[in-house]
Amino acid sequence: MLLRLNHTAVIDNLRSYSREIVERLAIALRDGAVAEPDPRRKGFYDVNDGDRSFFIHISPVTGRVWLLASWCTEPAPRARYAAHFIAPAREMAHLY
């Protein structure tokens, strides 16, 4: 789903993330971000913005956003390097 707030988000930075990360979330919510609602908890979302993800809660009473977690979603350099060699090996498996 696309999550876009109609108001300027007031973000409560509960884990003291850097100002850049909080601003990135604010911009994503203003412009519209791909989000997945948490099926077990109302008002909680996983928000994706390129190579960064956020776990947030939007208060239904105040509209404030709680930034609960943020992490980089880009694969680690080693994983990309290993995948470069594993994929061709799988494609050639039928030859043996």
PDB file of N, CA and C in Angstrom:
ATOM      1  N   MET A   1       0.836  -1.177   0.000  1.00  0.00           N
ATOM      2  CA  MET A   1       0.000   0.000   0.000  1.00  0.00           C
ATOM      3  C   MET A   1       0.882   1.241   0.000  1.00  0.00           C
ATOM      4  N   LEU A   2       0.329   2.344  -0.425  1.00  0.00           N
ATOM      5  CA  LEU A   2       1.040   3.616  -0.399  1.00  0.00           C
ATOM      6  C   LEU A   2       0.549   4.403   0.806  1.00  0.00           C
ATOM      7  N   LEU A   3       1.471   4.793   1.659  1.00  0.00           N
ATOM      8  CA  LEU A   3       1.140   5.546   2.872  1.00  0.00           C
ATOM      9  C   LEU A   3       1.611   6.983   2.698  1.00  0.00           C
ATOM     10  N   ARG A   4       0.663   7.911   2.744  1.00  0.00           N
ATOM     11  CA  ARG A   4       0.987   9.339   2.617  1.00  0.00           C
ATOM     12  C   ARG A   4       0.184  10.090   3.661  1.00  0.00           C
ATOM     13  N   LEU A   5       0.880  10.897   4.455  1.00  0.00           N
ATOM     14  CA  LEU A   5       0.196  11.692   5.477  1.00  0.00           C
ATOM     15  C   LEU A   5      -0.211  13.035   4.898  1.00  0.00           C
ATOM     16  N   ASN A   6      -1.411  13.482   5.244  1.00  0.00           N
ATOM     17  CA  ASN A   6      -1.927  14.764   4.758  1.00  0.00           C
ATOM     18  C   ASN A   6      -1.405  15.945   5.561  1.00  0.00           C
ATOM     19  N   HIS A   7      -0.695  15.666   6.633  1.00  0.00           N
ATOM     20  CA  HIS A   7      -0.162  16.723   7.480  1.00  0.00           C
ATOM     21  C   HIS A   7       1.348  16.522   7.632  1.00  0.00           C
ATOM     22  N   THR A   8       2.018  17.560   8.070  1.00  0.00           N
ATOM     23  CA  THR A   8       3.448  17.431   8.344  1.00  0.00           C
ATOM     24  C   THR A   8       3.597  16.540   9.569  1.00  0.00           C
ATOM     25  N   ALA A   9       4.313  15.444   9.395  1.00  0.00           N
ATOM     26  CA  ALA A   9       4.424  14.457  10.462  1.00  0.00           C
ATOM     27  C   ALA A   9       5.262  14.984  11.623  1.00  0.00           C
ATOM     28  N   VAL A  10       4.726  14.828  12.811  1.00  0.00           N
ATOM     29  CA  VAL A  10       5.506  15.048  14.024  1.00  0.00           C
ATOM     30  C   VAL A  10       6.026  13.663  14.398  1.00  0.00           C
ATOM     31  N   ILE A  11       7.340  13.506  14.357  1.00  0.00           N
ATOM     32  CA  ILE A  11       7.944  12.190  14.565  1.00  0.00           C
ATOM     33  C   ILE A  11       8.616  12.145  15.925  1.00  0.00           C
ATOM     34  N   ASP A  12       8.167  11.202  16.744  1.00  0.00           N
ATOM     35  CA  ASP A  12       8.817  10.953  18.029  1.00  0.00           C
ATOM     36  C   ASP A  12       9.919   9.931  17.793  1.00  0.00           C
ATOM     37  N   ASN A  13      11.151  10.375  17.960  1.00  0.00           N
ATOM     38  CA  ASN A  13      12.340   9.571  17.693  1.00  0.00           C
ATOM     39  C   ASN A  13      12.706   8.809  18.973  1.00  0.00           C
ATOM     40  N   LEU A  14      12.049   7.687  19.196  1.00  0.00           N
ATOM     41  CA  LEU A  14      12.159   6.979  20.468  1.00  0.00           C
ATOM     42  C   LEU A  14      13.508   6.305  20.699  1.00  0.00           C
ATOM     43  N   ARG A  15      14.267   6.061  19.644  1.00  0.00           N
ATOM     44  CA  ARG A  15      15.562   5.378  19.799  1.00  0.00           C
ATOM     45  C   ARG A  15      16.746   6.267  19.443  1.00  0.00           C
ATOM     46  N   SER A  16      16.518   7.547  19.371  1.00  0.00           N
ATOM     47  CA  SER A  16      17.582   8.536  19.120  1.00  0.00           C
ATOM     48  C   SER A  16      18.345   8.288  17.823  1.00  0.00           C
ATOM     49  N   TYR A  17      17.600   8.066  16.745  1.00  0.00           N
ATOM     50  CA  TYR A  17      18.235   7.939  15.431  1.00  0.00           C
ATOM     51  C   TYR A  17      18.749   9.312  14.991  1.00  0.00           C
ATOM     52  N   SER A  18      19.645   9.310  14.024  1.00  0.00           N
ATOM     53  CA  SER A  18      20.215  10.566  13.544  1.00  0.00           C
ATOM     54  C   SER A  18      19.136  11.435  12.910  1.00  0.00           C
ATOM     55  N   ARG A  19      19.397  12.719  12.869  1.00  0.00           N
ATOM     56  CA  ARG A  19      18.465  13.677  12.274  1.00  0.00           C
ATOM     57  C   ARG A  19      18.199  13.330  10.809  1.00  0.00           C
ATOM     58  N   GLU A  20      19.214  12.840  10.103  1.00  0.00           N
ATOM     59  CA  GLU A  20      19.065  12.491   8.688  1.00  0.00           C
ATOM     60  C   GLU A  20      18.050  11.364   8.501  1.00  0.00           C
ATOM     61  N   ILE A  21      18.079  10.373   9.378  1.00  0.00           N
ATOM     62  CA  ILE A  21      17.137   9.256   9.269  1.00  0.00           C
ATOM     63  C   ILE A  21      15.718   9.730   9.551  1.00  0.00           C
ATOM     64  N   VAL A  22      15.544  10.566  10.563  1.00  0.00           N
ATOM     65  CA  VAL A  22      14.213  11.086  10.897  1.00  0.00           C
ATOM     66  C   VAL A  22      13.681  11.946   9.751  1.00  0.00           C
ATOM     67  N   GLU A  23      14.526  12.778   9.172  1.00  0.00           N
ATOM     68  CA  GLU A  23      14.111  13.614   8.047  1.00  0.00           C
ATOM     69  C   GLU A  23      13.748  12.762   6.835  1.00  0.00           C
ATOM     70  N   ARG A  24      14.506  11.695   6.628  1.00  0.00           N
ATOM     71  CA  ARG A  24      14.213  10.806   5.502  1.00  0.00           C
ATOM     72  C   ARG A  24      12.827  10.177   5.666  1.00  0.00           C
ATOM     73  N   LEU A  25      12.498   9.761   6.881  1.00  0.00           N
ATOM     74  CA  LEU A  25      11.167   9.214   7.141  1.00  0.00           C
ATOM     75  C   LEU A  25      10.097  10.274   6.908  1.00  0.00           C
ATOM     76  N   ALA A  26      10.319  11.479   7.393  1.00  0.00           N
ATOM     77  CA  ALA A  26       9.346  12.562   7.225  1.00  0.00           C
ATOM     78  C   ALA A  26       9.089  12.838   5.743  1.00  0.00           C
ATOM     79  N   ILE A  27      10.130  12.863   4.953  1.00  0.00           N
ATOM     80  CA  ILE A  27       9.987  13.111   3.510  1.00  0.00           C
ATOM     81  C   ILE A  27       9.242  11.960   2.850  1.00  0.00           C
ATOM     82  N   ALA A  28       9.581  10.732   3.230  1.00  0.00           N
ATOM     83  CA  ALA A  28       8.902   9.565   2.657  1.00  0.00           C
ATOM     84  C   ALA A  28       7.409   9.595   2.971  1.00  0.00           C
ATOM     85  N   LEU A  29       7.053   9.947   4.194  1.00  0.00           N
ATOM     86  CA  LEU A  29       5.644   9.997   4.569  1.00  0.00           C
ATOM     87  C   LEU A  29       4.918  11.157   3.890  1.00  0.00           C
ATOM     88  N   ARG A  30       5.615  12.247   3.664  1.00  0.00           N
ATOM     89  CA  ARG A  30       5.016  13.398   2.976  1.00  0.00           C
ATOM     90  C   ARG A  30       4.769  13.088   1.492  1.00  0.00           C
ATOM     91  N   ASP A  31       5.761  12.434   0.853  1.00  0.00           N
ATOM     92  CA  ASP A  31       5.677  12.167  -0.584  1.00  0.00           C
ATOM     93  C   ASP A  31       4.912  10.898  -0.916  1.00  0.00           C
ATOM     94  N   GLY A  32       4.773  10.010   0.046  1.00  0.00           N
ATOM     95  CA  GLY A  32       4.122   8.722  -0.176  1.00  0.00           C
ATOM     96  C   GLY A  32       5.154   7.617  -0.188  1.00  0.00           C
ATOM     97  N   ALA A  33       5.002   6.659   0.684  1.00  0.00           N
ATOM     98  CA  ALA A  33       5.974   5.577   0.815  1.00  0.00           C
ATOM     99  C   ALA A  33       5.257   4.229   0.761  1.00  0.00           C
ATOM    100  N   VAL A  34       5.966   3.246   0.264  1.00  0.00           N
ATOM    101  CA  VAL A  34       5.439   1.887   0.257  1.00  0.00           C
ATOM    102  C   VAL A  34       5.431   1.389   1.698  1.00  0.00           C
ATOM    103  N   ALA A  35       4.270   0.913   2.150  1.00  0.00           N
ATOM    104  CA  ALA A  35       4.129   0.487   3.541  1.00  0.00           C
ATOM    105  C   ALA A  35       3.345  -0.815   3.611  1.00  0.00           C
ATOM    106  N   GLU A  36       3.657  -1.580   4.619  1.00  0.00           N
ATOM    107  CA  GLU A  36       2.964  -2.838   4.889  1.00  0.00           C
ATOM    108  C   GLU A  36       2.386  -2.745   6.293  1.00  0.00           C
ATOM    109  N   PRO A  37       1.055  -2.767   6.433  1.00  0.00           N
ATOM    110  CA  PRO A  37       0.486  -2.708   7.781  1.00  0.00           C
ATOM    111  C   PRO A  37       0.784  -3.988   8.551  1.00  0.00           C
ATOM    112  N   ASP A  38       1.024  -3.845   9.843  1.00  0.00           N
ATOM    113  CA  ASP A  38       1.253  -5.006  10.700  1.00  0.00           C
ATOM    114  C   ASP A  38      -0.100  -5.680  10.914  1.00  0.00           C
ATOM    115  N   PRO A  39      -0.236  -6.951  10.540  1.00  0.00           N
ATOM    116  CA  PRO A  39      -1.541  -7.602  10.643  1.00  0.00           C
ATOM    117  C   PRO A  39      -2.002  -7.832  12.085  1.00  0.00           C
ATOM    118  N   ARG A  40      -1.083  -7.779  13.039  1.00  0.00           N
ATOM    119  CA  ARG A  40      -1.439  -8.050  14.435  1.00  0.00           C
ATOM    120  C   ARG A  40      -1.661  -6.789  15.265  1.00  0.00           C
ATOM    121  N   ARG A  41      -1.178  -5.645  14.765  1.00  0.00           N
ATOM    122  CA  ARG A  41      -1.267  -4.415  15.570  1.00  0.00           C
ATOM    123  C   ARG A  41      -1.761  -3.261  14.710  1.00  0.00           C
ATOM    124  N   LYS A  42      -2.878  -2.697  15.110  1.00  0.00           N
ATOM    125  CA  LYS A  42      -3.460  -1.577  14.370  1.00  0.00           C
ATOM    126  C   LYS A  42      -2.583  -0.334  14.514  1.00  0.00           C
ATOM    127  N   GLY A  43      -2.343   0.343  13.387  1.00  0.00           N
ATOM    128  CA  GLY A  43      -1.574   1.581  13.401  1.00  0.00           C
ATOM    129  C   GLY A  43      -0.074   1.399  13.296  1.00  0.00           C
ATOM    130  N   PHE A  44       0.399   0.162  13.170  1.00  0.00           N
ATOM    131  CA  PHE A  44       1.828  -0.117  13.033  1.00  0.00           C
ATOM    132  C   PHE A  44       2.120  -0.491  11.583  1.00  0.00           C
ATOM    133  N   TYR A  45       3.260   0.005  11.070  1.00  0.00           N
ATOM    134  CA  TYR A  45       3.599  -0.201   9.666  1.00  0.00           C
ATOM    135  C   TYR A  45       5.096  -0.441   9.492  1.00  0.00           C
ATOM    136  N   ASP A  46       5.430  -1.266   8.504  1.00  0.00           N
ATOM    137  CA  ASP A  46       6.782  -1.339   7.961  1.00  0.00           C
ATOM    138  C   ASP A  46       6.781  -0.431   6.748  1.00  0.00           C
ATOM    139  N   VAL A  47       7.652   0.555   6.752  1.00  0.00           N
ATOM    140  CA  VAL A  47       7.727   1.535   5.669  1.00  0.00           C
ATOM    141  C   VAL A  47       9.060   1.348   4.959  1.00  0.00           C
ATOM    142  N   ASN A  48       9.005   1.266   3.628  1.00  0.00           N
ATOM    143  CA  ASN A  48      10.222   1.097   2.839  1.00  0.00           C
ATOM    144  C   ASN A  48      10.501   2.352   2.039  1.00  0.00           C
ATOM    145  N   ASP A  49      11.764   2.774   2.074  1.00  0.00           N
ATOM    146  CA  ASP A  49      12.203   3.934   1.303  1.00  0.00           C
ATOM    147  C   ASP A  49      13.563   3.606   0.699  1.00  0.00           C
ATOM    148  N   GLY A  50      13.550   2.986  -0.465  1.00  0.00           N
ATOM    149  CA  GLY A  50      14.798   2.618  -1.124  1.00  0.00           C
ATOM    150  C   GLY A  50      15.565   1.589  -0.328  1.00  0.00           C
ATOM    151  N   ASP A  51      16.764   1.956   0.109  1.00  0.00           N
ATOM    152  CA  ASP A  51      17.628   1.018   0.836  1.00  0.00           C
ATOM    153  C   ASP A  51      17.436   1.107   2.353  1.00  0.00           C
ATOM    154  N   ARG A  52      16.386   1.769   2.813  1.00  0.00           N
ATOM    155  CA  ARG A  52      16.149   1.912   4.250  1.00  0.00           C
ATOM    156  C   ARG A  52      14.702   1.541   4.560  1.00  0.00           C
ATOM    157  N   SER A  53      14.510   0.865   5.683  1.00  0.00           N
ATOM    158  CA  SER A  53      13.179   0.511   6.173  1.00  0.00           C
ATOM    159  C   SER A  53      12.971   1.104   7.554  1.00  0.00           C
ATOM    160  N   PHE A  54      11.701   1.330   7.872  1.00  0.00           N
ATOM    161  CA  PHE A  54      11.324   1.902   9.156  1.00  0.00           C
ATOM    162  C   PHE A  54      10.168   1.091   9.720  1.00  0.00           C
ATOM    163  N   PHE A  55      10.130   0.938  11.029  1.00  0.00           N
ATOM    164  CA  PHE A  55       8.968   0.375  11.700  1.00  0.00           C
ATOM    165  C   PHE A  55       8.379   1.503  12.518  1.00  0.00           C
ATOM    166  N   ILE A  56       7.127   1.857  12.230  1.00  0.00           N
ATOM    167  CA  ILE A  56       6.515   3.029  12.852  1.00  0.00           C
ATOM    168  C   ILE A  56       5.131   2.688  13.414  1.00  0.00           C
ATOM    169  N   HIS A  57       4.672   3.574  14.269  1.00  0.00           N
ATOM    170  CA  HIS A  57       3.283   3.552  14.739  1.00  0.00           C
ATOM    171  C   HIS A  57       2.726   4.952  14.529  1.00  0.00           C
ATOM    172  N   ILE A  58       1.521   5.011  13.988  1.00  0.00           N
ATOM    173  CA  ILE A  58       0.838   6.291  13.823  1.00  0.00           C
ATOM    174  C   ILE A  58      -0.314   6.314  14.814  1.00  0.00           C
ATOM    175  N   SER A  59      -0.269   7.259  15.746  1.00  0.00           N
ATOM    176  CA  SER A  59      -1.303   7.362  16.767  1.00  0.00           C
ATOM    177  C   SER A  59      -2.631   7.767  16.135  1.00  0.00           C
ATOM    178  N   PRO A  60      -3.681   6.979  16.358  1.00  0.00           N
ATOM    179  CA  PRO A  60      -4.979   7.348  15.790  1.00  0.00           C
ATOM    180  C   PRO A  60      -5.587   8.577  16.467  1.00  0.00           C
ATOM    181  N   VAL A  61      -5.111   8.920  17.650  1.00  0.00           N
ATOM    182  CA  VAL A  61      -5.651  10.055  18.401  1.00  0.00           C
ATOM    183  C   VAL A  61      -4.966  11.356  17.994  1.00  0.00           C
ATOM    184  N   THR A  62      -3.623  11.355  17.995  1.00  0.00           N
ATOM    185  CA  THR A  62      -2.882  12.599  17.758  1.00  0.00           C
ATOM    186  C   THR A  62      -2.304  12.704  16.347  1.00  0.00           C
ATOM    187  N   GLY A  63      -2.169  11.583  15.653  1.00  0.00           N
ATOM    188  CA  GLY A  63      -1.539  11.587  14.334  1.00  0.00           C
ATOM    189  C   GLY A  63      -0.023  11.610  14.393  1.00  0.00           C
ATOM    190  N   ARG A  64       0.527  11.602  15.600  1.00  0.00           N
ATOM    191  CA  ARG A  64       1.988  11.586  15.749  1.00  0.00           C
ATOM    192  C   ARG A  64       2.537  10.246  15.288  1.00  0.00           C
ATOM    193  N   VAL A  65       3.768  10.284  14.775  1.00  0.00           N
ATOM    194  CA  VAL A  65       4.435   9.081  14.295  1.00  0.00           C
ATOM    195  C   VAL A  65       5.516   8.700  15.290  1.00  0.00           C
ATOM    196  N   TRP A  66       5.507   7.458  15.713  1.00  0.00           N
ATOM    197  CA  TRP A  66       6.569   6.950  16.584  1.00  0.00           C
ATOM    198  C   TRP A  66       7.531   6.164  15.717  1.00  0.00           C
ATOM    199  N   LEU A  67       8.762   6.606  15.649  1.00  0.00           N
ATOM    200  CA  LEU A  67       9.802   5.861  14.943  1.00  0.00           C
ATOM    201  C   LEU A  67      10.357   4.834  15.917  1.00  0.00           C
ATOM    202  N   LEU A  68      10.006   3.577  15.696  1.00  0.00           N
ATOM    203  CA  LEU A  68      10.389   2.502  16.609  1.00  0.00           C
ATOM    204  C   LEU A  68      11.671   1.807  16.199  1.00  0.00           C
ATOM    205  N   ALA A  69      11.923   1.701  14.897  1.00  0.00           N
ATOM    206  CA  ALA A  69      13.142   1.034  14.415  1.00  0.00           C
ATOM    207  C   ALA A  69      13.419   1.471  12.985  1.00  0.00           C
ATOM    208  N   SER A  70      14.686   1.416  12.608  1.00  0.00           N
ATOM    209  CA  SER A  70      15.097   1.699  11.247  1.00  0.00           C
ATOM    210  C   SER A  70      16.322   0.855  10.936  1.00  0.00           C
ATOM    211  N   TRP A  71      16.399   0.362   9.707  1.00  0.00           N
ATOM    212  CA  TRP A  71      17.531  -0.475   9.323  1.00  0.00           C
ATOM    213  C   TRP A  71      17.767  -0.361   7.827  1.00  0.00           C
ATOM    214  N   CYS A  72      18.984  -0.671   7.447  1.00  0.00           N
ATOM    215  CA  CYS A  72      19.386  -0.663   6.048  1.00  0.00           C
ATOM    216  C   CYS A  72      18.941  -1.979   5.419  1.00  0.00           C
ATOM    217  N   THR A  73      18.304  -1.921   4.262  1.00  0.00           N
ATOM    218  CA  THR A  73      17.816  -3.130   3.610  1.00  0.00           C
ATOM    219  C   THR A  73      18.688  -3.581   2.454  1.00  0.00           C
ATOM    220  N   GLU A  74      19.736  -2.849   2.163  1.00  0.00           N
ATOM    221  CA  GLU A  74      20.645  -3.234   1.086  1.00  0.00           C
ATOM    222  C   GLU A  74      21.459  -4.433   1.543  1.00  0.00           C
ATOM    223  N   PRO A  75      21.618  -5.438   0.681  1.00  0.00           N
ATOM    224  CA  PRO A  75      22.395  -6.605   1.098  1.00  0.00           C
ATOM    225  C   PRO A  75      23.838  -6.233   1.404  1.00  0.00           C
ATOM    226  N   ALA A  76      24.420  -6.952   2.331  1.00  0.00           N
ATOM    227  CA  ALA A  76      25.815  -6.722   2.697  1.00  0.00           C
ATOM    228  C   ALA A  76      26.710  -6.979   1.489  1.00  0.00           C
ATOM    229  N   PRO A  77      27.844  -6.278   1.384  1.00  0.00           N
ATOM    230  CA  PRO A  77      28.731  -6.459   0.226  1.00  0.00           C
ATOM    231  C   PRO A  77      29.150  -7.914   0.022  1.00  0.00           C
ATOM    232  N   ARG A  78      29.426  -8.648   1.075  1.00  0.00           N
ATOM    233  CA  ARG A  78      29.821 -10.048   0.922  1.00  0.00           C
ATOM    234  C   ARG A  78      28.706 -10.882   0.321  1.00  0.00           C
ATOM    235  N   ALA A  79      27.476 -10.626   0.739  1.00  0.00           N
ATOM    236  CA  ALA A  79      26.347 -11.389   0.219  1.00  0.00           C
ATOM    237  C   ALA A  79      26.192 -11.157  -1.279  1.00  0.00           C
ATOM    238  N   ARG A  80      26.357  -9.909  -1.721  1.00  0.00           N
ATOM    239  CA  ARG A  80      26.265  -9.630  -3.157  1.00  0.00           C
ATOM    240  C   ARG A  80      27.401 -10.300  -3.898  1.00  0.00           C
ATOM    241  N   TYR A  81      28.593 -10.287  -3.321  1.00  0.00           N
ATOM    242  CA  TYR A  81      29.756 -10.896  -3.952  1.00  0.00           C
ATOM    243  C   TYR A  81      29.559 -12.404  -4.084  1.00  0.00           C
ATOM    244  N   ALA A  82      29.082 -13.050  -3.023  1.00  0.00           N
ATOM    245  CA  ALA A  82      28.857 -14.494  -3.042  1.00  0.00           C
ATOM    246  C   ALA A  82      27.761 -14.850  -4.039  1.00  0.00           C
ATOM    247  N   ALA A  83      26.696 -14.055  -4.103  1.00  0.00           N
ATOM    248  CA  ALA A  83      25.600 -14.337  -5.023  1.00  0.00           C
ATOM    249  C   ALA A  83      26.068 -14.297  -6.466  1.00  0.00           C
ATOM    250  N   HIS A  84      27.067 -13.480  -6.755  1.00  0.00           N
ATOM    251  CA  HIS A  84      27.612 -13.375  -8.100  1.00  0.00           C
ATOM    252  C   HIS A  84      28.168 -14.722  -8.565  1.00  0.00           C
ATOM    253  N   PHE A  85      28.748 -15.484  -7.643  1.00  0.00           N
ATOM    254  CA  PHE A  85      29.339 -16.767  -8.005  1.00  0.00           C
ATOM    255  C   PHE A  85      28.386 -17.935  -7.824  1.00  0.00           C
ATOM    256  N   ILE A  86      27.443 -17.835  -6.919  1.00  0.00           N
ATOM    257  CA  ILE A  86      26.521 -18.941  -6.657  1.00  0.00           C
ATOM    258  C   ILE A  86      25.519 -19.097  -7.798  1.00  0.00           C
ATOM    259  N   ALA A  87      24.985 -18.001  -8.293  1.00  0.00           N
ATOM    260  CA  ALA A  87      23.968 -18.079  -9.334  1.00  0.00           C
ATOM    261  C   ALA A  87      24.467 -18.800 -10.583  1.00  0.00           C
ATOM    262  N   PRO A  88      25.655 -18.483 -11.131  1.00  0.00           N
ATOM    263  CA  PRO A  88      26.114 -19.216 -12.316  1.00  0.00           C
ATOM    264  C   PRO A  88      26.303 -20.711 -12.038  1.00  0.00           C
ATOM    265  N   ALA A  89      26.730 -21.060 -10.837  1.00  0.00           N
ATOM    266  CA  ALA A  89      26.930 -22.471 -10.510  1.00  0.00           C
ATOM    267  C   ALA A  89      25.601 -23.219 -10.550  1.00  0.00           C
ATOM    268  N   ARG A  90      24.544 -22.598 -10.069  1.00  0.00           N
ATOM    269  CA  ARG A  90      23.224 -23.215 -10.102  1.00  0.00           C
ATOM    270  C   ARG A  90      22.732 -23.380 -11.524  1.00  0.00           C
ATOM    271  N   GLU A  91      23.005 -22.392 -12.353  1.00  0.00           N
ATOM    272  CA  GLU A  91      22.576 -22.469 -13.749  1.00  0.00           C
ATOM    273  C   GLU A  91      23.301 -23.580 -14.505  1.00  0.00           C
ATOM    274  N   MET A  92      24.516 -23.887 -14.098  1.00  0.00           N
ATOM    275  CA  MET A  92      25.303 -24.915 -14.777  1.00  0.00           C
ATOM    276  C   MET A  92      25.104 -26.305 -14.177  1.00  0.00           C
ATOM    277  N   ALA A  93      24.323 -26.421 -13.104  1.00  0.00           N
ATOM    278  CA  ALA A  93      24.145 -27.701 -12.427  1.00  0.00           C
ATOM    279  C   ALA A  93      23.554 -28.761 -13.343  1.00  0.00           C
ATOM    280  N   HIS A  94      22.753 -28.357 -14.290  1.00  0.00           N
ATOM    281  CA  HIS A  94      22.127 -29.329 -15.182  1.00  0.00           C
ATOM    282  C   HIS A  94      23.142 -29.976 -16.121  1.00  0.00           C
ATOM    283  N   LEU A  95      24.316 -29.426 -16.248  1.00  0.00           N
ATOM    284  CA  LEU A  95      25.330 -29.979 -17.134  1.00  0.00           C
ATOM    285  C   LEU A  95      26.005 -31.214 -16.542  1.00  0.00           C
ATOM    286  N   TYR A  96      25.879 -31.428 -15.260  1.00  0.00           N
ATOM    287  CA  TYR A  96      26.576 -32.548 -14.611  1.00  0.00           C
ATOM    288  C   TYR A  96      25.681 -33.705 -14.319  1.00  0.00           C
TER     289      TYR A  96
END
